[in-house]
Amino acid sequence: MPSFTVFKGSKDGKIVKSETKKGDLQNDQVLVKVTASGLCGTDEHYRSADMVLGHEGAGVVEETGPNVKNLKKGDRVGWGYQHDSCGDCEYCLTGRETYCSERQMYGAADLDQGSFASHAVWKEAFLFKIPEGLSDADAAPLMCGGATVFNALYTYGIKSTDRVGVMGVGGLGHLAIQFAARMGCDVVVFSGTENKKEEATKLGAKEFIAMKGKDKIDIGRKVDALLVTTSVSPDWNLMLPVMAPTGKIFPLTVDAGDFKIPHMGLISGGLTIQGSVVAARSVHRHMLEFAALHSIKPIVMEFPMTEDGITDAMSTLRDGKMRYRGVLKPQ
């Protein structure tokens, strides 16, 4: 009967150390010892909720249930935002289980466990083997951050001949640059100032546009796909003219407010605003394999997985000082 340490949010936003107890492993359940956890902006959203935090987990299989087929003790695995689905609906049967009406997602299900913990128990079908070439600390931020940007590029038909724009060089943006560049795309980065130009170029950007103070942008060849990874919506009157006709816009960050865009600019360019959640499992596997093959790794800052360490990491993220993904390591 597993019992393990977890770190929860609370009403006043304080990180609280607690304990979760589970019954003996049943069916296809797997007990995973956490070795690294990414820190995502979504974790900050749930900081004031009475739930275990963290959804970018990496670790080692410690025990398996009686019907586990493909995992064994000692395997390195990770998990992300989704924990389960019905398995029978149209979306599940066509590899789109992220849209299943019975999907079990972070923040809405399994509130007694997460990746800010010593261990967790998950269904085998929603765990992913970590390929050789990716350390646990490198793999953890890919479980949500990497899956989010890769899904937009892979699932919605972005081609190697496309020009891809990335707005923001942060937790999502620095991964989006790498994935798009390794896919063969011509990547242009839009950022506030010139501060991150050198870094963006090293990650694979061919062009860098500093937006501050500009009332017009001239980038020559226009953008076929725009991945918006900034926490604040851009000035669409400034950005729509850089979009190629029939281009796609992916708003990838979470916002509780309304999405507003100039109506005429949208229809006259035949643009698509494409919603996209994290990757379905088949896409997630491809993402990890692609990252390992092409040496795509997050730039991380490590923190101890303690109450103080998590608090420090969240403060660093909230203050805009994270370069670029926080990783919590058990002590």
C-alpha atoms as a PDB file:
ATOM      1  CA  MET A   1       0.000   0.000   0.000  1.00  0.00           C
ATOM      2  CA  PRO A   2       1.986   3.030  -1.266  1.00  0.00           C
ATOM      3  CA  SER A   3       2.308   6.111   0.887  1.00  0.00           C
ATOM      4  CA  PHE A   4       4.283   9.092  -0.321  1.00  0.00           C
ATOM      5  CA  THR A   5       5.128  12.756   0.196  1.00  0.00           C
ATOM      6  CA  VAL A   6       3.286  15.392  -1.839  1.00  0.00           C
ATOM      7  CA  PHE A   7       3.312  19.188  -2.033  1.00  0.00           C
ATOM      8  CA  LYS A   8      -0.038  20.942  -2.259  1.00  0.00           C
ATOM      9  CA  GLY A   9      -1.399  24.385  -2.867  1.00  0.00           C
ATOM     10  CA  SER A  10      -3.545  26.064  -0.228  1.00  0.00           C
ATOM     11  CA  LYS A  11      -6.156  28.793   0.084  1.00  0.00           C
ATOM     12  CA  ASP A  12      -3.556  31.423   0.982  1.00  0.00           C
ATOM     13  CA  GLY A  13      -1.151  30.288  -1.745  1.00  0.00           C
ATOM     14  CA  LYS A  14       1.332  28.700   0.626  1.00  0.00           C
ATOM     15  CA  ILE A  15       2.990  25.444  -0.425  1.00  0.00           C
ATOM     16  CA  VAL A  16       2.109  22.691   2.042  1.00  0.00           C
ATOM     17  CA  LYS A  17       3.900  19.374   2.507  1.00  0.00           C
ATOM     18  CA  SER A  18       1.480  16.493   2.960  1.00  0.00           C
ATOM     19  CA  GLU A  19       1.082  12.753   2.482  1.00  0.00           C
ATOM     20  CA  THR A  20      -0.990  10.668   0.088  1.00  0.00           C
ATOM     21  CA  LYS A  21      -1.913   7.043   0.655  1.00  0.00           C
ATOM     22  CA  LYS A  22      -2.985   4.690  -2.123  1.00  0.00           C
ATOM     23  CA  GLY A  23      -4.304   1.158  -2.057  1.00  0.00           C
ATOM     24  CA  ASP A  24      -2.388  -1.812  -3.424  1.00  0.00           C
ATOM     25  CA  LEU A  25      -1.695  -1.458  -7.134  1.00  0.00           C
ATOM     26  CA  GLN A  26      -4.586  -2.703  -9.255  1.00  0.00           C
ATOM     27  CA  ASN A  27      -4.895  -3.681 -12.887  1.00  0.00           C
ATOM     28  CA  ASP A  28      -2.579  -1.465 -15.031  1.00  0.00           C
ATOM     29  CA  GLN A  29      -1.447   0.922 -12.279  1.00  0.00           C
ATOM     30  CA  VAL A  30       2.228   1.852 -11.971  1.00  0.00           C
ATOM     31  CA  LEU A  31       4.034   3.318  -8.964  1.00  0.00           C
ATOM     32  CA  VAL A  32       6.603   5.868 -10.129  1.00  0.00           C
ATOM     33  CA  LYS A  33       9.362   7.364  -7.989  1.00  0.00           C
ATOM     34  CA  VAL A  34       9.705  11.006  -9.016  1.00  0.00           C
ATOM     35  CA  THR A  35      13.228  12.080  -9.998  1.00  0.00           C
ATOM     36  CA  ALA A  36      12.400  15.458 -11.564  1.00  0.00           C
ATOM     37  CA  SER A  37       9.403  17.713 -12.062  1.00  0.00           C
ATOM     38  CA  GLY A  38       8.988  20.630 -14.376  1.00  0.00           C
ATOM     39  CA  LEU A  39       7.310  23.822 -13.204  1.00  0.00           C
ATOM     40  CA  CYS A  40       4.658  25.187 -15.551  1.00  0.00           C
ATOM     41  CA  GLY A  41       2.646  28.394 -15.497  1.00  0.00           C
ATOM     42  CA  THR A  42      -0.472  26.282 -14.969  1.00  0.00           C
ATOM     43  CA  ASP A  43       0.918  25.177 -11.600  1.00  0.00           C
ATOM     44  CA  GLU A  44       0.864  28.818 -10.546  1.00  0.00           C
ATOM     45  CA  HIS A  45      -2.828  28.996 -11.480  1.00  0.00           C
ATOM     46  CA  TYR A  46      -3.601  26.197  -9.016  1.00  0.00           C
ATOM     47  CA  ARG A  47      -1.394  27.434  -6.211  1.00  0.00           C
ATOM     48  CA  SER A  48      -4.420  28.518  -4.177  1.00  0.00           C
ATOM     49  CA  ALA A  49      -6.274  25.226  -4.652  1.00  0.00           C
ATOM     50  CA  ASP A  50      -6.299  22.383  -2.137  1.00  0.00           C
ATOM     51  CA  MET A  51      -4.626  19.912  -4.501  1.00  0.00           C
ATOM     52  CA  VAL A  52      -1.247  18.352  -5.181  1.00  0.00           C
ATOM     53  CA  LEU A  53       0.683  20.437  -7.673  1.00  0.00           C
ATOM     54  CA  GLY A  54       2.787  19.488 -10.686  1.00  0.00           C
ATOM     55  CA  HIS A  55       2.084  17.812 -14.025  1.00  0.00           C
ATOM     56  CA  GLU A  56       5.481  17.573 -15.728  1.00  0.00           C
ATOM     57  CA  GLY A  57       6.753  14.404 -14.109  1.00  0.00           C
ATOM     58  CA  ALA A  58       9.763  12.217 -14.751  1.00  0.00           C
ATOM     59  CA  GLY A  59      10.852   9.251 -12.703  1.00  0.00           C
ATOM     60  CA  VAL A  60      11.549   5.553 -12.381  1.00  0.00           C
ATOM     61  CA  VAL A  61       9.064   2.688 -12.234  1.00  0.00           C
ATOM     62  CA  GLU A  62       9.198   1.243  -8.715  1.00  0.00           C
ATOM     63  CA  GLU A  63       6.304  -1.229  -8.798  1.00  0.00           C
ATOM     64  CA  THR A  64       3.715  -2.439 -11.321  1.00  0.00           C
ATOM     65  CA  GLY A  65       0.166  -3.723 -11.094  1.00  0.00           C
ATOM     66  CA  PRO A  66      -0.811  -7.247 -12.209  1.00  0.00           C
ATOM     67  CA  ASN A  67      -1.955  -6.263 -15.712  1.00  0.00           C
ATOM     68  CA  VAL A  68       0.885  -3.930 -16.681  1.00  0.00           C
ATOM     69  CA  LYS A  69       2.220  -5.114 -20.035  1.00  0.00           C
ATOM     70  CA  ASN A  70       5.062  -2.939 -21.279  1.00  0.00           C
ATOM     71  CA  LEU A  71       6.685  -1.315 -18.274  1.00  0.00           C
ATOM     72  CA  LYS A  72       8.929  -2.927 -15.694  1.00  0.00           C
ATOM     73  CA  LYS A  73      10.731  -1.902 -12.543  1.00  0.00           C
ATOM     74  CA  GLY A  74      13.607   0.456 -13.316  1.00  0.00           C
ATOM     75  CA  ASP A  75      12.152   1.906 -16.533  1.00  0.00           C
ATOM     76  CA  ARG A  76      12.418   5.679 -16.849  1.00  0.00           C
ATOM     77  CA  VAL A  77       9.043   7.240 -17.571  1.00  0.00           C
ATOM     78  CA  GLY A  78       7.271  10.563 -17.613  1.00  0.00           C
ATOM     79  CA  TRP A  79       3.726  11.894 -17.605  1.00  0.00           C
ATOM     80  CA  GLY A  80       1.952  15.090 -18.469  1.00  0.00           C
ATOM     81  CA  TYR A  81      -1.349  16.921 -18.210  1.00  0.00           C
ATOM     82  CA  GLN A  82      -3.713  14.022 -18.998  1.00  0.00           C
ATOM     83  CA  HIS A  83      -4.066  10.935 -16.819  1.00  0.00           C
ATOM     84  CA  ASP A  84      -6.936   8.959 -18.371  1.00  0.00           C
ATOM     85  CA  SER A  85      -9.803   8.938 -20.884  1.00  0.00           C
ATOM     86  CA  CYS A  86     -12.792   6.697 -21.629  1.00  0.00           C
ATOM     87  CA  GLY A  87     -11.019   4.771 -24.400  1.00  0.00           C
ATOM     88  CA  ASP A  88     -14.249   4.157 -26.334  1.00  0.00           C
ATOM     89  CA  CYS A  89     -15.503   7.440 -27.775  1.00  0.00           C
ATOM     90  CA  GLU A  90     -14.830   8.751 -31.273  1.00  0.00           C
ATOM     91  CA  TYR A  91     -12.032  10.984 -30.020  1.00  0.00           C
ATOM     92  CA  CYS A  92     -10.259   8.222 -28.105  1.00  0.00           C
ATOM     93  CA  LEU A  93     -10.566   5.792 -31.009  1.00  0.00           C
ATOM     94  CA  THR A  94      -9.076   8.282 -33.459  1.00  0.00           C
ATOM     95  CA  GLY A  95      -6.085   9.358 -31.362  1.00  0.00           C
ATOM     96  CA  ARG A  96      -7.652  12.558 -30.051  1.00  0.00           C
ATOM     97  CA  GLU A  97      -8.212  11.488 -26.455  1.00  0.00           C
ATOM     98  CA  THR A  98      -7.266  14.959 -25.200  1.00  0.00           C
ATOM     99  CA  TYR A  99     -10.813  15.969 -26.277  1.00  0.00           C
ATOM    100  CA  CYS A 100     -12.613  13.015 -24.682  1.00  0.00           C
ATOM    101  CA  SER A 101     -15.612  14.185 -22.627  1.00  0.00           C
ATOM    102  CA  GLU A 102     -14.436  11.942 -19.787  1.00  0.00           C
ATOM    103  CA  ARG A 103     -10.795  12.979 -19.949  1.00  0.00           C
ATOM    104  CA  GLN A 104      -8.949  13.130 -16.644  1.00  0.00           C
ATOM    105  CA  MET A 105      -6.794  16.235 -16.599  1.00  0.00           C
ATOM    106  CA  TYR A 106      -4.536  17.995 -14.120  1.00  0.00           C
ATOM    107  CA  GLY A 107      -6.493  20.383 -11.938  1.00  0.00           C
ATOM    108  CA  ALA A 108      -9.758  18.498 -12.413  1.00  0.00           C
ATOM    109  CA  ALA A 109      -8.934  14.877 -11.497  1.00  0.00           C
ATOM    110  CA  ASP A 110      -6.510  12.925  -9.289  1.00  0.00           C
ATOM    111  CA  LEU A 111      -6.110  15.922  -7.014  1.00  0.00           C
ATOM    112  CA  ASP A 112      -4.337  13.820  -4.381  1.00  0.00           C
ATOM    113  CA  GLN A 113      -1.205  13.362  -6.497  1.00  0.00           C
ATOM    114  CA  GLY A 114       1.041  15.180  -8.945  1.00  0.00           C
ATOM    115  CA  SER A 115       4.676  15.606  -9.895  1.00  0.00           C
ATOM    116  CA  PHE A 116       5.529  17.797  -6.888  1.00  0.00           C
ATOM    117  CA  ALA A 117       5.925  14.623  -4.875  1.00  0.00           C
ATOM    118  CA  SER A 118       8.172  11.712  -4.011  1.00  0.00           C
ATOM    119  CA  HIS A 119       5.963   9.229  -5.907  1.00  0.00           C
ATOM    120  CA  ALA A 120       2.759   8.930  -7.924  1.00  0.00           C
ATOM    121  CA  VAL A 121       0.494   6.147  -9.184  1.00  0.00           C
ATOM    122  CA  TRP A 122      -0.688   6.327 -12.804  1.00  0.00           C
ATOM    123  CA  LYS A 123      -2.212   4.112 -15.468  1.00  0.00           C
ATOM    124  CA  GLU A 124       0.395   2.504 -17.692  1.00  0.00           C
ATOM    125  CA  ALA A 125      -1.322   3.810 -20.834  1.00  0.00           C
ATOM    126  CA  PHE A 126      -0.661   7.414 -19.829  1.00  0.00           C
ATOM    127  CA  LEU A 127       3.019   7.011 -18.990  1.00  0.00           C
ATOM    128  CA  PHE A 128       5.746   7.586 -21.572  1.00  0.00           C
ATOM    129  CA  LYS A 129       9.125   5.909 -21.737  1.00  0.00           C
ATOM    130  CA  ILE A 130      11.942   8.460 -21.686  1.00  0.00           C
ATOM    131  CA  PRO A 131      14.356   7.842 -24.579  1.00  0.00           C
ATOM    132  CA  GLU A 132      18.085   7.484 -24.108  1.00  0.00           C
ATOM    133  CA  GLY A 133      19.713  10.839 -24.704  1.00  0.00           C
ATOM    134  CA  LEU A 134      17.279  12.747 -22.513  1.00  0.00           C
ATOM    135  CA  SER A 135      18.030  13.093 -18.821  1.00  0.00           C
ATOM    136  CA  ASP A 136      15.113  13.112 -16.394  1.00  0.00           C
ATOM    137  CA  ALA A 137      15.643  16.841 -15.778  1.00  0.00           C
ATOM    138  CA  ASP A 138      15.574  17.492 -19.534  1.00  0.00           C
ATOM    139  CA  ALA A 139      12.553  15.257 -20.105  1.00  0.00           C
ATOM    140  CA  ALA A 140      10.316  16.650 -17.357  1.00  0.00           C
ATOM    141  CA  PRO A 141       9.620  20.083 -18.939  1.00  0.00           C
ATOM    142  CA  LEU A 142       8.898  18.384 -22.258  1.00  0.00           C
ATOM    143  CA  MET A 143       5.949  16.520 -20.720  1.00  0.00           C
ATOM    144  CA  CYS A 144       3.767  19.639 -20.964  1.00  0.00           C
ATOM    145  CA  GLY A 145       5.821  22.514 -22.392  1.00  0.00           C
ATOM    146  CA  GLY A 146       7.385  20.413 -25.129  1.00  0.00           C
ATOM    147  CA  ALA A 147       4.153  18.548 -25.860  1.00  0.00           C
ATOM    148  CA  THR A 148       2.216  21.811 -26.167  1.00  0.00           C
ATOM    149  CA  VAL A 149       4.426  23.394 -28.829  1.00  0.00           C
ATOM    150  CA  PHE A 150       5.177  20.144 -30.701  1.00  0.00           C
ATOM    151  CA  ASN A 151       1.463  19.335 -30.912  1.00  0.00           C
ATOM    152  CA  ALA A 152       0.733  22.661 -32.593  1.00  0.00           C
ATOM    153  CA  LEU A 153       3.436  22.095 -35.199  1.00  0.00           C
ATOM    154  CA  TYR A 154       2.924  18.367 -35.781  1.00  0.00           C
ATOM    155  CA  THR A 155      -0.825  17.870 -35.538  1.00  0.00           C
ATOM    156  CA  TYR A 156      -1.939  20.835 -37.619  1.00  0.00           C
ATOM    157  CA  GLY A 157       0.135  20.243 -40.717  1.00  0.00           C
ATOM    158  CA  ILE A 158       2.974  22.734 -40.404  1.00  0.00           C
ATOM    159  CA  LYS A 159       5.454  21.887 -43.173  1.00  0.00           C
ATOM    160  CA  SER A 160       9.234  22.173 -43.350  1.00  0.00           C
ATOM    161  CA  THR A 161       8.767  24.765 -46.107  1.00  0.00           C
ATOM    162  CA  ASP A 162       6.649  27.002 -43.854  1.00  0.00           C
ATOM    163  CA  ARG A 163       7.806  30.133 -42.128  1.00  0.00           C
ATOM    164  CA  VAL A 164       7.001  29.837 -38.435  1.00  0.00           C
ATOM    165  CA  GLY A 165       6.774  32.829 -36.106  1.00  0.00           C
ATOM    166  CA  VAL A 166       7.304  32.420 -32.379  1.00  0.00           C
ATOM    167  CA  MET A 167       6.127  35.185 -30.066  1.00  0.00           C
ATOM    168  CA  GLY A 168       8.141  35.243 -26.872  1.00  0.00           C
ATOM    169  CA  VAL A 169      11.375  33.569 -25.803  1.00  0.00           C
ATOM    170  CA  GLY A 170      10.341  31.979 -22.527  1.00  0.00           C
ATOM    171  CA  GLY A 171       9.322  28.597 -21.163  1.00  0.00           C
ATOM    172  CA  LEU A 172       7.285  27.643 -24.219  1.00  0.00           C
ATOM    173  CA  GLY A 173       8.921  29.907 -26.767  1.00  0.00           C
ATOM    174  CA  HIS A 174      12.477  28.635 -26.406  1.00  0.00           C
ATOM    175  CA  LEU A 175      11.187  25.085 -26.990  1.00  0.00           C
ATOM    176  CA  ALA A 176       9.019  26.153 -29.935  1.00  0.00           C
ATOM    177  CA  ILE A 177      12.061  27.695 -31.650  1.00  0.00           C
ATOM    178  CA  GLN A 178      14.006  24.457 -31.326  1.00  0.00           C
ATOM    179  CA  PHE A 179      11.236  22.149 -32.499  1.00  0.00           C
ATOM    180  CA  ALA A 180      10.279  24.327 -35.479  1.00  0.00           C
ATOM    181  CA  ALA A 181      13.901  24.801 -36.547  1.00  0.00           C
ATOM    182  CA  ARG A 182      14.702  21.075 -36.297  1.00  0.00           C
ATOM    183  CA  MET A 183      11.603  20.346 -38.376  1.00  0.00           C
ATOM    184  CA  GLY A 184      13.224  22.407 -41.109  1.00  0.00           C
ATOM    185  CA  CYS A 185      11.065  25.520 -40.777  1.00  0.00           C
ATOM    186  CA  ASP A 186      12.284  29.068 -41.298  1.00  0.00           C
ATOM    187  CA  VAL A 187      11.817  30.512 -37.801  1.00  0.00           C
ATOM    188  CA  VAL A 188      11.323  34.198 -37.012  1.00  0.00           C
ATOM    189  CA  VAL A 189      11.103  35.271 -33.371  1.00  0.00           C
ATOM    190  CA  PHE A 190       9.121  38.245 -32.066  1.00  0.00           C
ATOM    191  CA  SER A 191      10.251  39.533 -28.677  1.00  0.00           C
ATOM    192  CA  GLY A 192       9.978  42.743 -26.705  1.00  0.00           C
ATOM    193  CA  THR A 193      13.619  43.825 -26.867  1.00  0.00           C
ATOM    194  CA  GLU A 194      16.934  42.697 -28.358  1.00  0.00           C
ATOM    195  CA  ASN A 195      17.947  41.068 -25.055  1.00  0.00           C
ATOM    196  CA  LYS A 196      17.329  37.490 -26.168  1.00  0.00           C
ATOM    197  CA  LYS A 197      18.403  37.804 -29.803  1.00  0.00           C
ATOM    198  CA  GLU A 198      21.693  35.929 -29.455  1.00  0.00           C
ATOM    199  CA  GLU A 199      20.076  33.107 -27.509  1.00  0.00           C
ATOM    200  CA  ALA A 200      17.149  32.804 -29.950  1.00  0.00           C
ATOM    201  CA  THR A 201      19.586  32.634 -32.854  1.00  0.00           C
ATOM    202  CA  LYS A 202      21.567  29.852 -31.184  1.00  0.00           C
ATOM    203  CA  LEU A 203      18.326  27.930 -30.632  1.00  0.00           C
ATOM    204  CA  GLY A 204      17.555  28.071 -34.344  1.00  0.00           C
ATOM    205  CA  ALA A 205      15.878  31.380 -35.230  1.00  0.00           C
ATOM    206  CA  LYS A 206      16.776  32.815 -38.630  1.00  0.00           C
ATOM    207  CA  GLU A 207      15.367  36.260 -37.875  1.00  0.00           C
ATOM    208  CA  PHE A 208      14.649  38.194 -34.682  1.00  0.00           C
ATOM    209  CA  ILE A 209      12.266  41.138 -34.404  1.00  0.00           C
ATOM    210  CA  ALA A 210      12.347  43.421 -31.350  1.00  0.00           C
ATOM    211  CA  MET A 211       8.778  44.719 -31.048  1.00  0.00           C
ATOM    212  CA  LYS A 212       9.103  47.511 -28.509  1.00  0.00           C
ATOM    213  CA  GLY A 213       8.237  50.921 -29.948  1.00  0.00           C
ATOM    214  CA  LYS A 214       7.286  49.608 -33.377  1.00  0.00           C
ATOM    215  CA  ASP A 215       4.067  50.594 -35.125  1.00  0.00           C
ATOM    216  CA  LYS A 216       4.844  48.515 -38.211  1.00  0.00           C
ATOM    217  CA  ILE A 217       6.790  45.312 -38.847  1.00  0.00           C
ATOM    218  CA  ASP A 218       8.505  44.465 -42.106  1.00  0.00           C
ATOM    219  CA  ILE A 219       9.808  40.908 -42.207  1.00  0.00           C
ATOM    220  CA  GLY A 220       9.874  40.275 -45.945  1.00  0.00           C
ATOM    221  CA  ARG A 221       8.431  36.775 -46.313  1.00  0.00           C
ATOM    222  CA  LYS A 222       5.276  36.479 -44.241  1.00  0.00           C
ATOM    223  CA  VAL A 223       4.485  33.954 -41.544  1.00  0.00           C
ATOM    224  CA  ASP A 224       2.513  30.778 -42.279  1.00  0.00           C
ATOM    225  CA  ALA A 225       2.102  29.806 -38.632  1.00  0.00           C
ATOM    226  CA  LEU A 226       2.376  31.951 -35.510  1.00  0.00           C
ATOM    227  CA  LEU A 227       2.857  30.356 -32.089  1.00  0.00           C
ATOM    228  CA  VAL A 228       1.914  32.858 -29.390  1.00  0.00           C
ATOM    229  CA  THR A 229       3.721  31.840 -26.203  1.00  0.00           C
ATOM    230  CA  THR A 230       3.567  35.155 -24.336  1.00  0.00           C
ATOM    231  CA  SER A 231       1.389  35.592 -21.261  1.00  0.00           C
ATOM    232  CA  VAL A 232      -0.043  38.826 -22.677  1.00  0.00           C
ATOM    233  CA  SER A 233      -1.927  38.936 -25.972  1.00  0.00           C
ATOM    234  CA  PRO A 234      -0.080  40.761 -28.752  1.00  0.00           C
ATOM    235  CA  ASP A 235      -1.230  43.890 -30.569  1.00  0.00           C
ATOM    236  CA  TRP A 236      -3.083  42.144 -33.380  1.00  0.00           C
ATOM    237  CA  ASN A 237      -3.220  45.306 -35.474  1.00  0.00           C
ATOM    238  CA  LEU A 238       0.568  45.067 -35.532  1.00  0.00           C
ATOM    239  CA  MET A 239       0.785  41.299 -36.000  1.00  0.00           C
ATOM    240  CA  LEU A 240      -1.922  40.468 -38.548  1.00  0.00           C
ATOM    241  CA  PRO A 241      -0.090  42.210 -41.412  1.00  0.00           C
ATOM    242  CA  VAL A 242       2.871  39.811 -40.986  1.00  0.00           C
ATOM    243  CA  MET A 243       0.622  36.758 -41.459  1.00  0.00           C
ATOM    244  CA  ALA A 244       0.580  35.023 -44.836  1.00  0.00           C
ATOM    245  CA  PRO A 245      -2.867  34.451 -46.367  1.00  0.00           C
ATOM    246  CA  THR A 246      -4.549  31.332 -44.896  1.00  0.00           C
ATOM    247  CA  GLY A 247      -1.975  31.306 -42.081  1.00  0.00           C
ATOM    248  CA  LYS A 248      -2.623  29.721 -38.692  1.00  0.00           C
ATOM    249  CA  ILE A 249      -2.407  31.410 -35.290  1.00  0.00           C
ATOM    250  CA  PHE A 250      -1.910  29.238 -32.190  1.00  0.00           C
ATOM    251  CA  PRO A 251      -2.630  30.947 -28.828  1.00  0.00           C
ATOM    252  CA  LEU A 252      -0.725  28.516 -26.589  1.00  0.00           C
ATOM    253  CA  THR A 253      -0.837  30.143 -23.177  1.00  0.00           C
ATOM    254  CA  VAL A 254      -3.765  30.001 -20.776  1.00  0.00           C
ATOM    255  CA  ASP A 255      -5.939  33.081 -20.277  1.00  0.00           C
ATOM    256  CA  ALA A 256      -9.282  33.280 -18.481  1.00  0.00           C
ATOM    257  CA  GLY A 257     -10.327  36.359 -20.457  1.00  0.00           C
ATOM    258  CA  ASP A 258     -11.734  36.751 -23.959  1.00  0.00           C
ATOM    259  CA  PHE A 259      -9.702  36.286 -27.117  1.00  0.00           C
ATOM    260  CA  LYS A 260     -10.073  39.440 -29.224  1.00  0.00           C
ATOM    261  CA  ILE A 261      -8.800  39.981 -32.756  1.00  0.00           C
ATOM    262  CA  PRO A 262      -9.709  42.416 -35.577  1.00  0.00           C
ATOM    263  CA  HIS A 263     -12.603  40.858 -37.473  1.00  0.00           C
ATOM    264  CA  MET A 264     -11.731  42.155 -40.949  1.00  0.00           C
ATOM    265  CA  GLY A 265      -8.076  41.224 -40.659  1.00  0.00           C
ATOM    266  CA  LEU A 266      -9.084  37.680 -39.770  1.00  0.00           C
ATOM    267  CA  ILE A 267     -11.540  37.084 -42.610  1.00  0.00           C
ATOM    268  CA  SER A 268      -9.728  39.043 -45.335  1.00  0.00           C
ATOM    269  CA  GLY A 269      -6.587  36.949 -44.802  1.00  0.00           C
ATOM    270  CA  GLY A 270      -8.473  33.672 -44.463  1.00  0.00           C
ATOM    271  CA  LEU A 271      -6.661  33.135 -41.177  1.00  0.00           C
ATOM    272  CA  THR A 272      -7.307  30.285 -38.746  1.00  0.00           C
ATOM    273  CA  ILE A 273      -7.218  30.726 -34.990  1.00  0.00           C
ATOM    274  CA  GLN A 274      -6.353  27.201 -33.854  1.00  0.00           C
ATOM    275  CA  GLY A 275      -6.988  26.093 -30.301  1.00  0.00           C
ATOM    276  CA  SER A 276      -4.607  23.381 -29.162  1.00  0.00           C
ATOM    277  CA  VAL A 277      -4.180  21.571 -25.866  1.00  0.00           C
ATOM    278  CA  VAL A 278      -1.373  19.201 -24.953  1.00  0.00           C
ATOM    279  CA  ALA A 279      -0.476  16.335 -27.244  1.00  0.00           C
ATOM    280  CA  ALA A 280      -2.377  13.099 -27.607  1.00  0.00           C
ATOM    281  CA  ARG A 281      -0.305  10.087 -26.594  1.00  0.00           C
ATOM    282  CA  SER A 282       0.897   9.093 -30.058  1.00  0.00           C
ATOM    283  CA  VAL A 283       2.030  12.655 -30.723  1.00  0.00           C
ATOM    284  CA  HIS A 284       3.616  12.837 -27.276  1.00  0.00           C
ATOM    285  CA  ARG A 285       5.713   9.758 -28.058  1.00  0.00           C
ATOM    286  CA  HIS A 286       6.839  11.263 -31.349  1.00  0.00           C
ATOM    287  CA  MET A 287       7.759  14.459 -29.502  1.00  0.00           C
ATOM    288  CA  LEU A 288      10.034  12.657 -27.057  1.00  0.00           C
ATOM    289  CA  GLU A 289      11.669  10.608 -29.825  1.00  0.00           C
ATOM    290  CA  PHE A 290      12.163  13.713 -31.978  1.00  0.00           C
ATOM    291  CA  ALA A 291      13.642  15.667 -29.060  1.00  0.00           C
ATOM    292  CA  ALA A 292      16.103  12.874 -28.278  1.00  0.00           C
ATOM    293  CA  LEU A 293      17.084  12.438 -31.937  1.00  0.00           C
ATOM    294  CA  HIS A 294      17.690  16.146 -32.494  1.00  0.00           C
ATOM    295  CA  SER A 295      19.114  16.993 -29.059  1.00  0.00           C
ATOM    296  CA  ILE A 296      16.261  19.351 -28.208  1.00  0.00           C
ATOM    297  CA  LYS A 297      16.565  20.199 -24.543  1.00  0.00           C
ATOM    298  CA  PRO A 298      15.024  22.834 -22.317  1.00  0.00           C
ATOM    299  CA  ILE A 299      17.173  25.490 -20.719  1.00  0.00           C
ATOM    300  CA  VAL A 300      16.487  24.939 -17.033  1.00  0.00           C
ATOM    301  CA  MET A 301      17.000  26.334 -13.563  1.00  0.00           C
ATOM    302  CA  GLU A 302      16.976  23.685 -10.838  1.00  0.00           C
ATOM    303  CA  PHE A 303      15.390  24.001  -7.404  1.00  0.00           C
ATOM    304  CA  PRO A 304      15.063  21.567  -4.487  1.00  0.00           C
ATOM    305  CA  MET A 305      11.683  19.864  -4.159  1.00  0.00           C
ATOM    306  CA  THR A 306      10.904  21.232  -0.729  1.00  0.00           C
ATOM    307  CA  GLU A 307       8.331  23.739   0.503  1.00  0.00           C
ATOM    308  CA  ASP A 308      10.904  26.529   0.324  1.00  0.00           C
ATOM    309  CA  GLY A 309      12.333  25.306  -2.983  1.00  0.00           C
ATOM    310  CA  ILE A 310       8.925  25.203  -4.680  1.00  0.00           C
ATOM    311  CA  THR A 311       8.038  28.624  -3.256  1.00  0.00           C
ATOM    312  CA  ASP A 312      11.315  30.031  -4.586  1.00  0.00           C
ATOM    313  CA  ALA A 313      10.796  28.466  -8.006  1.00  0.00           C
ATOM    314  CA  MET A 314       7.261  29.816  -8.280  1.00  0.00           C
ATOM    315  CA  SER A 315       8.402  33.292  -7.244  1.00  0.00           C
ATOM    316  CA  THR A 316      11.141  33.181  -9.877  1.00  0.00           C
ATOM    317  CA  LEU A 317       8.582  32.230 -12.524  1.00  0.00           C
ATOM    318  CA  ARG A 318       6.046  34.808 -11.373  1.00  0.00           C
ATOM    319  CA  ASP A 319       8.678  37.582 -11.404  1.00  0.00           C
ATOM    320  CA  GLY A 320       9.660  36.764 -14.989  1.00  0.00           C
ATOM    321  CA  LYS A 321      13.179  35.694 -13.992  1.00  0.00           C
ATOM    322  CA  MET A 322      12.995  32.020 -14.989  1.00  0.00           C
ATOM    323  CA  ARG A 323      15.442  31.037 -17.746  1.00  0.00           C
ATOM    324  CA  TYR A 324      13.456  29.234 -19.044  1.00  0.00           C
ATOM    325  CA  ARG A 325      11.868  26.219 -17.304  1.00  0.00           C
ATOM    326  CA  GLY A 326      12.068  25.469 -13.613  1.00  0.00           C
ATOM    327  CA  VAL A 327      12.919  21.901 -12.618  1.00  0.00           C
ATOM    328  CA  LEU A 328      12.375  20.575  -9.101  1.00  0.00           C
ATOM    329  CA  LYS A 329      14.650  17.807  -7.895  1.00  0.00           C
ATOM    330  CA  PRO A 330      13.865  15.609  -4.869  1.00  0.00           C
ATOM    331  CA  GLN A 331      16.294  15.952  -1.971  1.00  0.00           C
END
